[in-house]
Protein backbone atom coordinates (compact mmCIF):
# COMPACT_ATOMS: atom_id res chain seq x y z
CA MET A 1 167.72 68.62 142.62
CA ARG A 2 170.35 66.26 141.32
CA ASN A 3 170.18 63.97 138.39
CA GLY A 4 171.66 60.39 138.87
CA LEU A 5 173.19 58.80 141.77
CA GLN A 6 176.42 59.86 143.61
CA TRP A 7 179.32 57.37 143.24
CA LYS A 8 178.65 56.28 146.90
CA GLU A 9 175.03 55.44 146.27
CA ARG A 10 176.04 53.52 143.05
CA SER A 11 178.55 51.48 144.88
CA VAL A 12 176.00 50.72 147.65
CA LEU A 13 173.22 49.83 144.87
CA ALA A 14 175.83 47.52 143.24
CA VAL A 15 176.52 45.58 146.35
CA ALA A 16 172.83 45.48 147.50
CA THR A 17 171.77 43.99 144.16
CA SER A 18 173.97 41.04 144.85
CA LEU A 19 172.81 40.21 148.36
CA LEU A 20 170.36 37.66 149.27
CA PHE A 21 167.39 39.04 151.05
CA GLY A 22 163.72 39.76 150.77
CA ALA A 23 160.59 37.71 150.91
CA ASN A 24 161.49 35.69 147.59
CA HIS A 25 164.97 34.70 148.93
CA ILE A 26 166.61 35.50 145.48
CA LEU A 27 169.32 37.95 144.43
CA LEU A 28 167.83 41.14 142.85
CA ASN A 29 170.09 40.68 139.93
CA GLN A 30 169.00 37.11 139.41
CA ALA A 31 165.31 38.03 139.71
CA SER A 32 165.94 40.78 137.03
CA GLU A 33 167.43 38.33 134.54
CA ASN A 34 164.65 35.76 135.36
CA TYR A 35 162.06 38.32 134.71
CA LYS A 36 163.49 39.33 131.38
CA ARG A 37 163.79 35.66 130.44
CA ILE A 38 160.66 34.01 131.80
CA GLY A 39 158.31 36.75 132.99
CA VAL A 40 158.64 36.16 136.66
CA CYS A 41 161.30 36.77 139.29
CA LYS A 42 161.77 33.02 140.19
CA GLU A 43 161.11 29.78 138.43
CA GLY A 44 157.87 28.28 139.68
CA PHE A 45 156.16 31.45 140.10
CA GLU A 46 154.61 31.31 136.70
CA SER A 47 151.13 30.11 137.80
CA MET A 48 151.00 33.08 140.38
CA VAL A 49 151.28 35.81 137.75
CA ARG A 50 148.78 36.92 135.05
CA LYS A 51 149.82 37.99 131.61
CA PRO A 52 150.04 41.72 131.08
CA LEU A 53 146.94 43.41 129.66
CA PHE A 54 147.43 44.93 126.13
CA ILE A 55 147.12 48.39 127.62
CA GLU A 56 149.95 47.72 130.09
CA PHE A 57 152.66 47.39 127.40
CA PRO A 58 154.88 50.44 127.42
CA LYS A 59 154.19 50.96 123.67
CA ASN A 60 150.62 51.53 124.51
CA ASN A 61 151.03 54.15 127.36
């Protein structure tokens, strides 16, 4: 069993996160930044997502 990603896997992952694909048609990097900033992967999706329950916060698990 190995820990972490091999250099080849890291380079593929870096490229894959900057490609436009998937159902939401948004870059994975952009979706991650949006989630940190507004709590959803893409602006306009706020009404489709519920707020997390108290028990779902990492500090409560």
